[in-house]
């Protein structure tokens, strides 16, 4: 079992930056793929960014590519989502997800992930 707790969300203005953190506890061996998803009101949960167990492979949704950066610190059992140049359309609840997966490829479907945090809200005003 892995427990995930997100933090760092909040209310910002368009163009601002935020850094989300996800702290993992429980079975926190490094061989877990991690990802961030988001869900806006009335919309389905969507993939934002993913990182493989080693941190050497990452993947981003087209809508955030070039603005968001995912990273992880396996020694501290933390993963991060640095969000720059935020837009009102980035407003959503952001979720951290994990799956045991010692591979290079990134999973982009929410159904693939086994562990989820409770979410942290991000609101971007125009």
Protein backbone atom coordinates (compact mmCIF):
# COMPACT_ATOMS: atom_id res chain seq x y z
CA UNK A 1 0.00 0.00 0.00
CA UNK A 2 1.09 3.51 -0.79
CA UNK A 3 -0.43 6.64 0.70
CA UNK A 4 -0.18 9.91 -1.21
CA UNK A 5 -0.75 13.42 0.12
CA UNK A 6 -0.74 16.46 -2.14
CA UNK A 7 -0.03 20.03 -1.10
CA UNK A 8 0.71 23.39 -2.64
CA UNK A 9 -2.56 24.29 -4.34
CA UNK A 10 -4.17 27.67 -4.02
CA UNK A 11 -5.63 30.74 -5.68
CA UNK A 12 -3.35 32.60 -8.09
CA UNK A 13 -3.63 35.01 -10.98
CA UNK A 14 -3.05 34.20 -14.61
CA UNK A 15 0.66 34.15 -15.36
CA UNK A 16 1.67 33.18 -11.84
CA UNK A 17 3.45 30.01 -10.78
CA UNK A 18 2.72 27.27 -8.25
CA UNK A 19 4.57 24.16 -7.17
CA UNK A 20 2.56 21.15 -6.11
CA UNK A 21 4.10 18.46 -3.95
CA UNK A 22 3.09 14.86 -3.39
CA UNK A 23 4.42 13.01 -0.37
CA UNK A 24 4.39 9.21 -0.48
CA UNK A 25 4.38 6.89 2.51
CA UNK A 26 3.93 3.18 3.03
CA UNK A 27 5.60 0.92 0.46
CA UNK A 28 7.73 3.63 -1.04
CA UNK A 29 10.31 1.68 -2.99
CA UNK A 30 11.55 3.73 -5.90
CA UNK A 31 10.04 1.45 -8.58
CA UNK A 32 6.78 3.37 -8.73
CA UNK A 33 5.65 5.40 -11.71
CA UNK A 34 4.09 8.68 -10.63
CA UNK A 35 1.76 11.10 -12.33
CA UNK A 36 -0.40 14.17 -11.92
CA UNK A 37 -3.98 14.29 -13.12
CA UNK A 38 -6.53 17.07 -12.82
CA UNK A 39 -10.28 17.34 -12.83
CA UNK A 40 -12.19 20.53 -13.50
CA UNK A 41 -15.86 20.90 -12.50
CA UNK A 42 -18.10 18.97 -14.87
CA UNK A 43 -15.18 17.41 -16.71
CA UNK A 44 -13.45 14.04 -16.67
CA UNK A 45 -10.15 13.52 -14.91
CA UNK A 46 -7.31 14.15 -17.35
CA UNK A 47 -3.63 13.34 -17.50
CA UNK A 48 -1.31 16.27 -16.85
CA UNK A 49 2.19 14.82 -16.49
CA UNK A 50 3.91 11.55 -15.66
CA UNK A 51 7.37 10.42 -14.62
CA UNK A 52 8.86 6.97 -14.59
CA UNK A 53 10.38 5.32 -11.53
CA UNK A 54 13.90 6.61 -12.18
CA UNK A 55 12.92 10.13 -13.17
CA UNK A 56 14.65 9.80 -16.54
CA UNK A 57 11.45 9.61 -18.55
CA UNK A 58 8.64 12.15 -18.46
CA UNK A 59 5.51 12.87 -20.45
CA UNK A 60 3.15 15.84 -20.60
CA UNK A 61 -0.27 16.67 -21.89
CA UNK A 62 -0.08 19.00 -24.87
CA UNK A 63 -1.99 21.65 -22.94
CA UNK A 64 0.77 22.01 -20.33
CA UNK A 65 3.88 21.17 -22.33
CA UNK A 66 6.49 23.89 -21.95
CA UNK A 67 4.77 25.36 -18.88
CA UNK A 68 4.70 22.50 -16.35
CA UNK A 69 7.59 20.36 -15.14
CA UNK A 70 7.27 17.10 -13.23
CA UNK A 71 10.11 15.84 -11.06
CA UNK A 72 10.72 13.47 -8.20
CA UNK A 73 13.11 12.98 -5.28
CA UNK A 74 13.15 9.27 -4.51
CA UNK A 75 15.33 9.75 -1.45
CA UNK A 76 12.61 11.91 0.10
CA UNK A 77 9.63 10.06 -1.39
CA UNK A 78 8.41 13.26 -2.99
CA UNK A 79 7.24 14.24 -6.43
CA UNK A 80 6.61 17.75 -7.67
CA UNK A 81 4.70 19.59 -10.34
CA UNK A 82 6.12 23.01 -11.11
CA UNK A 83 3.43 25.03 -12.89
CA UNK A 84 4.45 28.24 -14.63
CA UNK A 85 2.49 30.70 -16.76
CA UNK A 86 -0.76 29.48 -15.28
CA UNK A 87 -3.96 30.05 -17.23
CA UNK A 88 -7.60 30.14 -16.07
CA UNK A 89 -8.14 26.85 -17.92
CA UNK A 90 -5.65 25.20 -15.56
CA UNK A 91 -8.20 25.61 -12.76
CA UNK A 92 -8.96 22.15 -11.37
CA UNK A 93 -8.36 19.78 -8.50
CA UNK A 94 -4.94 18.22 -9.02
CA UNK A 95 -4.36 14.62 -8.02
CA UNK A 96 -1.17 12.68 -7.46
CA UNK A 97 -1.18 9.05 -8.62
CA UNK A 98 1.19 6.10 -8.36
CA UNK A 99 1.61 2.61 -9.77
CA UNK A 100 4.27 -0.01 -9.23
CA UNK A 101 5.99 0.00 -12.62
CA UNK A 102 9.76 -0.41 -13.01
CA UNK A 103 9.71 0.57 -16.71
CA UNK A 104 10.67 3.58 -18.79
CA UNK A 105 7.32 4.18 -20.48
CA UNK A 106 4.72 6.52 -19.00
CA UNK A 107 1.10 5.56 -18.42
CA UNK A 108 -1.38 8.30 -19.33
CA UNK A 109 -4.69 6.69 -18.37
CA UNK A 110 -6.14 7.23 -14.92
CA UNK A 111 -7.42 3.65 -14.93
CA UNK A 112 -3.84 2.37 -14.92
CA UNK A 113 -2.92 3.90 -11.57
CA UNK A 114 -3.51 2.09 -8.30
CA UNK A 115 -2.94 4.76 -5.67
CA UNK A 116 -4.35 8.27 -5.45
CA UNK A 117 -4.10 11.28 -3.19
CA UNK A 118 -7.05 13.31 -2.01
CA UNK A 119 -6.36 16.17 -4.40
CA UNK A 120 -5.36 19.79 -4.00
CA UNK A 121 -7.36 22.60 -5.62
CA UNK A 122 -5.79 25.10 -7.97
CA UNK A 123 -7.74 28.19 -9.02
CA UNK A 124 -6.35 30.59 -11.59
CA UNK A 125 -8.14 33.91 -11.93
CA UNK A 126 -8.00 35.99 -15.09
